[in-house]
Amino acid sequence: MLEDTVINEFRIKPINPEKVVSSVDGETAYSLESIPHGKCDIPTKEEEMISNIPVTDTTLGFEKDTECDFCPCFLTTYNADKSENASYEYGDHAPGEEKYQEECRFNPCDKVLCLMYEGYNAVFPGIVIGPLTEEYLRKLYDTDEEVHINHSSADEVVEKWLDWNWDSVIVRPLVRLKNDWEEMGDTVMVNRVYVFPYKKFEV
């Protein structure tokens, strides 16, 4: 069932130093604060709602998220100046499909800020490597214990990978973090719409 669109603001705040595994050249990661600004059932009013939200010194950006069965169906992120950052629409992101490796506004070697939930609830700087590939996902089956435990083969990983997660880019984190069950490796997957222009915040 398609839900009403939810408008969220992304703000950053200081991160608990115990969550930081390593950092490069004085780079900083931040804790993510996701602030709901209500629901909208009229598509033409969504951007008007966003335009009326005050921007703070710690605002990273905004999103409008329309979900279906607990997964994003339509999701657009915006920068702090309210300009569009990136947009996701459900469907056709798996290998061989039309939107596989959908174009990202950032190129390999660009420095960016990445927003990540998955128990991290953080924003961290990284260097873009490129779009998620089937080969990268297959290697996870051999190198990631959790992926290996939850799937019987690399083929099953590829087959069951969600469309939302196929629309991701591979990033080398400049600040590696840990959550309650794992720590970031040398590379991580970040949803394409959650990759933002690089900026340093004073917090």
C-alpha atoms as a PDB file:
ATOM      1  CA  MET A   1       0.000   0.000   0.000  1.00  0.00           C
ATOM      2  CA  LEU A   2       1.334   3.423  -0.985  1.00  0.00           C
ATOM      3  CA  GLU A   3       1.717   5.718   2.024  1.00  0.00           C
ATOM      4  CA  ASP A   4       1.474   9.506   2.250  1.00  0.00           C
ATOM      5  CA  THR A   5       4.721  11.338   1.554  1.00  0.00           C
ATOM      6  CA  VAL A   6       6.774  12.111   4.658  1.00  0.00           C
ATOM      7  CA  ILE A   7       8.923  15.262   4.772  1.00  0.00           C
ATOM      8  CA  ASN A   8      12.131  14.969   6.810  1.00  0.00           C
ATOM      9  CA  GLU A   9      14.977  17.321   7.597  1.00  0.00           C
ATOM     10  CA  PHE A  10      18.513  16.003   8.105  1.00  0.00           C
ATOM     11  CA  ARG A  11      20.589  17.762  10.738  1.00  0.00           C
ATOM     12  CA  ILE A  12      23.984  16.839  12.070  1.00  0.00           C
ATOM     13  CA  LYS A  13      25.326  16.938  15.618  1.00  0.00           C
ATOM     14  CA  PRO A  14      28.550  15.796  17.292  1.00  0.00           C
ATOM     15  CA  ILE A  15      29.196  12.079  17.100  1.00  0.00           C
ATOM     16  CA  ASN A  16      30.154   9.900  20.035  1.00  0.00           C
ATOM     17  CA  PRO A  17      33.960   9.485  19.692  1.00  0.00           C
ATOM     18  CA  GLU A  18      33.594   5.831  20.695  1.00  0.00           C
ATOM     19  CA  LYS A  19      31.863   5.177  17.353  1.00  0.00           C
ATOM     20  CA  VAL A  20      34.895   6.343  15.367  1.00  0.00           C
ATOM     21  CA  VAL A  21      37.315   3.596  14.308  1.00  0.00           C
ATOM     22  CA  SER A  22      39.687   5.757  12.280  1.00  0.00           C
ATOM     23  CA  SER A  23      39.811   9.041  10.372  1.00  0.00           C
ATOM     24  CA  VAL A  24      41.969  10.491   7.602  1.00  0.00           C
ATOM     25  CA  ASP A  25      43.578  13.945   7.567  1.00  0.00           C
ATOM     26  CA  GLY A  26      41.424  15.482  10.279  1.00  0.00           C
ATOM     27  CA  GLU A  27      38.131  14.516   8.592  1.00  0.00           C
ATOM     28  CA  THR A  28      35.020  14.503  10.781  1.00  0.00           C
ATOM     29  CA  ALA A  29      31.897  12.367  10.937  1.00  0.00           C
ATOM     30  CA  TYR A  30      28.631  13.472  12.510  1.00  0.00           C
ATOM     31  CA  SER A  31      25.669  11.931  14.248  1.00  0.00           C
ATOM     32  CA  LEU A  32      22.460  12.135  12.190  1.00  0.00           C
ATOM     33  CA  GLU A  33      19.328  13.776  13.515  1.00  0.00           C
ATOM     34  CA  SER A  34      16.300  13.087  11.304  1.00  0.00           C
ATOM     35  CA  ILE A  35      13.496  15.545  12.038  1.00  0.00           C
ATOM     36  CA  PRO A  36       9.990  14.805  10.711  1.00  0.00           C
ATOM     37  CA  HIS A  37       8.076  17.801   9.364  1.00  0.00           C
ATOM     38  CA  GLY A  38       4.788  16.054   8.697  1.00  0.00           C
ATOM     39  CA  LYS A  39       2.997  14.172   5.945  1.00  0.00           C
ATOM     40  CA  CYS A  40       1.610  15.427   2.665  1.00  0.00           C
ATOM     41  CA  ASP A  41      -1.056  13.696   0.568  1.00  0.00           C
ATOM     42  CA  ILE A  42      -1.006  16.338  -2.177  1.00  0.00           C
ATOM     43  CA  PRO A  43       2.082  15.959  -4.420  1.00  0.00           C
ATOM     44  CA  THR A  44       1.922  19.569  -5.609  1.00  0.00           C
ATOM     45  CA  LYS A  45       2.287  20.763  -2.002  1.00  0.00           C
ATOM     46  CA  GLU A  46       5.374  18.707  -1.106  1.00  0.00           C
ATOM     47  CA  GLU A  47       8.016  21.166  -2.285  1.00  0.00           C
ATOM     48  CA  GLU A  48       6.027  24.047  -0.828  1.00  0.00           C
ATOM     49  CA  MET A  49       6.235  22.334   2.569  1.00  0.00           C
ATOM     50  CA  ILE A  50       9.990  21.944   2.183  1.00  0.00           C
ATOM     51  CA  SER A  51      10.424  25.559   1.096  1.00  0.00           C
ATOM     52  CA  ASN A  52       8.784  26.733   4.339  1.00  0.00           C
ATOM     53  CA  ILE A  53      11.113  24.795   6.674  1.00  0.00           C
ATOM     54  CA  PRO A  54      13.711  27.061   8.338  1.00  0.00           C
ATOM     55  CA  VAL A  55      17.331  26.141   7.616  1.00  0.00           C
ATOM     56  CA  THR A  56      19.830  25.969  10.486  1.00  0.00           C
ATOM     57  CA  ASP A  57      23.626  25.946  10.547  1.00  0.00           C
ATOM     58  CA  THR A  58      23.461  22.197  11.085  1.00  0.00           C
ATOM     59  CA  THR A  59      21.001  21.355   8.287  1.00  0.00           C
ATOM     60  CA  LEU A  60      22.481  18.875   5.825  1.00  0.00           C
ATOM     61  CA  GLY A  61      19.360  18.649   3.677  1.00  0.00           C
ATOM     62  CA  PHE A  62      15.839  17.329   3.322  1.00  0.00           C
ATOM     63  CA  GLU A  63      13.907  14.432   1.853  1.00  0.00           C
ATOM     64  CA  LYS A  64      10.411  13.616   0.692  1.00  0.00           C
ATOM     65  CA  ASP A  65       9.805   9.893   1.076  1.00  0.00           C
ATOM     66  CA  THR A  66       6.812   7.942  -0.213  1.00  0.00           C
ATOM     67  CA  GLU A  67       6.939   4.320   0.932  1.00  0.00           C
ATOM     68  CA  CYS A  68       5.136   1.142  -0.062  1.00  0.00           C
ATOM     69  CA  ASP A  69       5.352  -1.970   2.128  1.00  0.00           C
ATOM     70  CA  PHE A  70       8.018  -0.312   4.302  1.00  0.00           C
ATOM     71  CA  CYS A  71      10.423   0.397   1.413  1.00  0.00           C
ATOM     72  CA  PRO A  72      10.945   3.664  -0.474  1.00  0.00           C
ATOM     73  CA  CYS A  73       8.871   3.881  -3.640  1.00  0.00           C
ATOM     74  CA  PHE A  74       9.595   7.520  -4.501  1.00  0.00           C
ATOM     75  CA  LEU A  75      12.293   9.385  -2.601  1.00  0.00           C
ATOM     76  CA  THR A  76      13.905  12.731  -3.382  1.00  0.00           C
ATOM     77  CA  THR A  77      16.641  14.397  -1.353  1.00  0.00           C
ATOM     78  CA  TYR A  78      17.410  18.106  -1.301  1.00  0.00           C
ATOM     79  CA  ASN A  79      20.449  20.107  -0.274  1.00  0.00           C
ATOM     80  CA  ALA A  80      20.308  22.653   2.549  1.00  0.00           C
ATOM     81  CA  ASP A  81      19.571  25.405   0.001  1.00  0.00           C
ATOM     82  CA  LYS A  82      16.444  23.421  -1.076  1.00  0.00           C
ATOM     83  CA  SER A  83      17.902  22.537  -4.483  1.00  0.00           C
ATOM     84  CA  GLU A  84      17.305  18.939  -5.582  1.00  0.00           C
ATOM     85  CA  ASN A  85      20.123  16.529  -4.761  1.00  0.00           C
ATOM     86  CA  ALA A  86      18.937  13.190  -6.183  1.00  0.00           C
ATOM     87  CA  SER A  87      15.774  11.215  -6.821  1.00  0.00           C
ATOM     88  CA  TYR A  88      14.861   7.520  -6.628  1.00  0.00           C
ATOM     89  CA  GLU A  89      11.862   5.790  -8.201  1.00  0.00           C
ATOM     90  CA  TYR A  90      11.175   2.133  -7.509  1.00  0.00           C
ATOM     91  CA  GLY A  91      11.973  -0.438 -10.175  1.00  0.00           C
ATOM     92  CA  ASP A  92      14.520  -1.640 -12.753  1.00  0.00           C
ATOM     93  CA  HIS A  93      17.753  -1.101 -10.763  1.00  0.00           C
ATOM     94  CA  ALA A  94      18.962  -4.725 -10.749  1.00  0.00           C
ATOM     95  CA  PRO A  95      21.640  -5.970 -13.187  1.00  0.00           C
ATOM     96  CA  GLY A  96      20.357  -6.175 -16.758  1.00  0.00           C
ATOM     97  CA  GLU A  97      17.511  -3.760 -16.070  1.00  0.00           C
ATOM     98  CA  GLU A  98      17.055  -0.275 -17.467  1.00  0.00           C
ATOM     99  CA  LYS A  99      18.183   1.704 -14.411  1.00  0.00           C
ATOM    100  CA  TYR A 100      21.033  -0.559 -13.288  1.00  0.00           C
ATOM    101  CA  GLN A 101      23.827   1.748 -12.102  1.00  0.00           C
ATOM    102  CA  GLU A 102      21.641   4.821 -12.528  1.00  0.00           C
ATOM    103  CA  GLU A 103      23.781   7.908 -13.085  1.00  0.00           C
ATOM    104  CA  CYS A 104      25.029   9.618  -9.934  1.00  0.00           C
ATOM    105  CA  ARG A 105      25.659  13.370  -9.840  1.00  0.00           C
ATOM    106  CA  PHE A 106      29.080  12.627  -8.332  1.00  0.00           C
ATOM    107  CA  ASN A 107      31.992  11.085 -10.198  1.00  0.00           C
ATOM    108  CA  PRO A 108      34.649   8.595  -9.062  1.00  0.00           C
ATOM    109  CA  CYS A 109      37.260  10.311  -6.842  1.00  0.00           C
ATOM    110  CA  ASP A 110      34.817  13.064  -5.750  1.00  0.00           C
ATOM    111  CA  LYS A 111      34.789  13.826  -2.025  1.00  0.00           C
ATOM    112  CA  VAL A 112      31.248  13.679  -0.649  1.00  0.00           C
ATOM    113  CA  LEU A 113      29.177  13.441   2.520  1.00  0.00           C
ATOM    114  CA  CYS A 114      27.284  10.186   2.999  1.00  0.00           C
ATOM    115  CA  LEU A 115      24.176   9.636   5.086  1.00  0.00           C
ATOM    116  CA  MET A 116      23.802   6.134   6.469  1.00  0.00           C
ATOM    117  CA  TYR A 117      21.278   4.455   8.752  1.00  0.00           C
ATOM    118  CA  GLU A 118      21.944   0.681   9.210  1.00  0.00           C
ATOM    119  CA  GLY A 119      22.629   1.185  12.896  1.00  0.00           C
ATOM    120  CA  TYR A 120      25.158   3.977  12.283  1.00  0.00           C
ATOM    121  CA  ASN A 121      22.691   6.891  11.989  1.00  0.00           C
ATOM    122  CA  ALA A 122      25.570   9.044  10.884  1.00  0.00           C
ATOM    123  CA  VAL A 123      26.897  11.364   8.205  1.00  0.00           C
ATOM    124  CA  PHE A 124      30.510  10.778   7.161  1.00  0.00           C
ATOM    125  CA  PRO A 125      32.917  11.981   4.447  1.00  0.00           C
ATOM    126  CA  GLY A 126      34.063   9.619   1.758  1.00  0.00           C
ATOM    127  CA  ILE A 127      35.516   9.271  -1.722  1.00  0.00           C
ATOM    128  CA  VAL A 128      33.256   7.950  -4.469  1.00  0.00           C
ATOM    129  CA  ILE A 129      34.565   4.800  -6.152  1.00  0.00           C
ATOM    130  CA  GLY A 130      31.654   4.112  -8.499  1.00  0.00           C
ATOM    131  CA  PRO A 131      28.229   2.494  -8.752  1.00  0.00           C
ATOM    132  CA  LEU A 132      27.374  -0.778  -7.050  1.00  0.00           C
ATOM    133  CA  THR A 133      28.243  -3.740  -9.273  1.00  0.00           C
ATOM    134  CA  GLU A 134      27.063  -7.318  -9.269  1.00  0.00           C
ATOM    135  CA  GLU A 135      30.700  -8.382  -8.820  1.00  0.00           C
ATOM    136  CA  TYR A 136      31.021  -6.277  -5.651  1.00  0.00           C
ATOM    137  CA  LEU A 137      27.901  -7.888  -4.210  1.00  0.00           C
ATOM    138  CA  ARG A 138      29.123 -11.380  -5.043  1.00  0.00           C
ATOM    139  CA  LYS A 139      32.404 -10.705  -3.230  1.00  0.00           C
ATOM    140  CA  LEU A 140      30.429  -9.724  -0.146  1.00  0.00           C
ATOM    141  CA  TYR A 141      29.215 -13.303   0.085  1.00  0.00           C
ATOM    142  CA  ASP A 142      32.831 -14.406   0.560  1.00  0.00           C
ATOM    143  CA  THR A 143      33.995 -11.552   2.788  1.00  0.00           C
ATOM    144  CA  ASP A 144      30.990 -10.440   4.872  1.00  0.00           C
ATOM    145  CA  GLU A 145      30.073 -12.941   7.589  1.00  0.00           C
ATOM    146  CA  GLU A 146      26.507 -11.665   8.017  1.00  0.00           C
ATOM    147  CA  VAL A 147      25.799 -11.836   4.267  1.00  0.00           C
ATOM    148  CA  HIS A 148      27.277 -15.352   4.151  1.00  0.00           C
ATOM    149  CA  ILE A 149      25.187 -16.586   7.081  1.00  0.00           C
ATOM    150  CA  ASN A 150      21.922 -15.215   5.696  1.00  0.00           C
ATOM    151  CA  HIS A 151      22.297 -16.541   2.133  1.00  0.00           C
ATOM    152  CA  SER A 152      23.049 -19.952   0.671  1.00  0.00           C
ATOM    153  CA  SER A 153      25.056 -18.635  -2.292  1.00  0.00           C
ATOM    154  CA  ALA A 154      26.280 -15.506  -4.031  1.00  0.00           C
ATOM    155  CA  ASP A 155      23.554 -16.078  -6.622  1.00  0.00           C
ATOM    156  CA  GLU A 156      20.947 -15.838  -3.877  1.00  0.00           C
ATOM    157  CA  VAL A 157      22.456 -12.562  -2.639  1.00  0.00           C
ATOM    158  CA  VAL A 158      22.108 -11.045  -6.115  1.00  0.00           C
ATOM    159  CA  GLU A 159      18.619 -12.466  -6.607  1.00  0.00           C
ATOM    160  CA  LYS A 160      17.245 -11.194  -3.288  1.00  0.00           C
ATOM    161  CA  TRP A 161      18.969  -7.784  -3.227  1.00  0.00           C
ATOM    162  CA  LEU A 162      16.303  -5.091  -3.013  1.00  0.00           C
ATOM    163  CA  ASP A 163      15.785  -2.592  -5.835  1.00  0.00           C
ATOM    164  CA  TRP A 164      16.309   0.240  -3.311  1.00  0.00           C
ATOM    165  CA  ASN A 165      19.698  -1.167  -2.335  1.00  0.00           C
ATOM    166  CA  TRP A 166      20.788  -1.785  -5.933  1.00  0.00           C
ATOM    167  CA  ASP A 167      20.591   1.978  -6.438  1.00  0.00           C
ATOM    168  CA  SER A 168      23.784   2.526  -4.435  1.00  0.00           C
ATOM    169  CA  VAL A 169      27.323   3.735  -4.920  1.00  0.00           C
ATOM    170  CA  ILE A 170      30.532   2.355  -3.461  1.00  0.00           C
ATOM    171  CA  VAL A 171      32.378   4.823  -1.249  1.00  0.00           C
ATOM    172  CA  ARG A 172      35.704   4.735   0.574  1.00  0.00           C
ATOM    173  CA  PRO A 173      34.939   6.262   3.984  1.00  0.00           C
ATOM    174  CA  LEU A 174      37.407   8.893   5.190  1.00  0.00           C
ATOM    175  CA  VAL A 175      36.058   8.334   8.698  1.00  0.00           C
ATOM    176  CA  ARG A 176      35.366   4.695   9.494  1.00  0.00           C
ATOM    177  CA  LEU A 177      32.629   4.084  12.048  1.00  0.00           C
ATOM    178  CA  LYS A 178      31.221   1.180  14.034  1.00  0.00           C
ATOM    179  CA  ASN A 179      27.721   0.351  15.211  1.00  0.00           C
ATOM    180  CA  ASP A 180      26.623  -2.220  17.781  1.00  0.00           C
ATOM    181  CA  TRP A 181      27.500  -5.236  15.636  1.00  0.00           C
ATOM    182  CA  GLU A 182      30.081  -4.302  13.006  1.00  0.00           C
ATOM    183  CA  GLU A 183      32.513  -1.673  11.812  1.00  0.00           C
ATOM    184  CA  MET A 184      32.949  -0.188   8.363  1.00  0.00           C
ATOM    185  CA  GLY A 185      35.413  -1.796   6.025  1.00  0.00           C
ATOM    186  CA  ASP A 186      37.634  -0.049   3.491  1.00  0.00           C
ATOM    187  CA  THR A 187      34.562   0.458   1.298  1.00  0.00           C
ATOM    188  CA  VAL A 188      30.833   0.754   1.988  1.00  0.00           C
ATOM    189  CA  MET A 189      27.602   0.894  -0.028  1.00  0.00           C
ATOM    190  CA  VAL A 190      25.598   4.113   0.239  1.00  0.00           C
ATOM    191  CA  ASN A 191      22.195   4.690  -1.326  1.00  0.00           C
ATOM    192  CA  ARG A 192      22.715   7.081  -4.247  1.00  0.00           C
ATOM    193  CA  VAL A 193      20.126   9.576  -2.978  1.00  0.00           C
ATOM    194  CA  TYR A 194      21.967   9.782   0.369  1.00  0.00           C
ATOM    195  CA  VAL A 195      25.223  11.053  -1.160  1.00  0.00           C
ATOM    196  CA  PHE A 196      25.519  14.821  -0.668  1.00  0.00           C
ATOM    197  CA  PRO A 197      28.052  17.509  -1.607  1.00  0.00           C
ATOM    198  CA  TYR A 198      31.044  17.634   0.725  1.00  0.00           C
ATOM    199  CA  LYS A 199      30.964  20.204   3.511  1.00  0.00           C
ATOM    200  CA  LYS A 200      32.504  20.626   6.936  1.00  0.00           C
ATOM    201  CA  PHE A 201      30.191  21.616   9.761  1.00  0.00           C
ATOM    202  CA  GLU A 202      31.116  23.435  12.963  1.00  0.00           C
ATOM    203  CA  VAL A 203      29.447  21.510  15.780  1.00  0.00           C
END
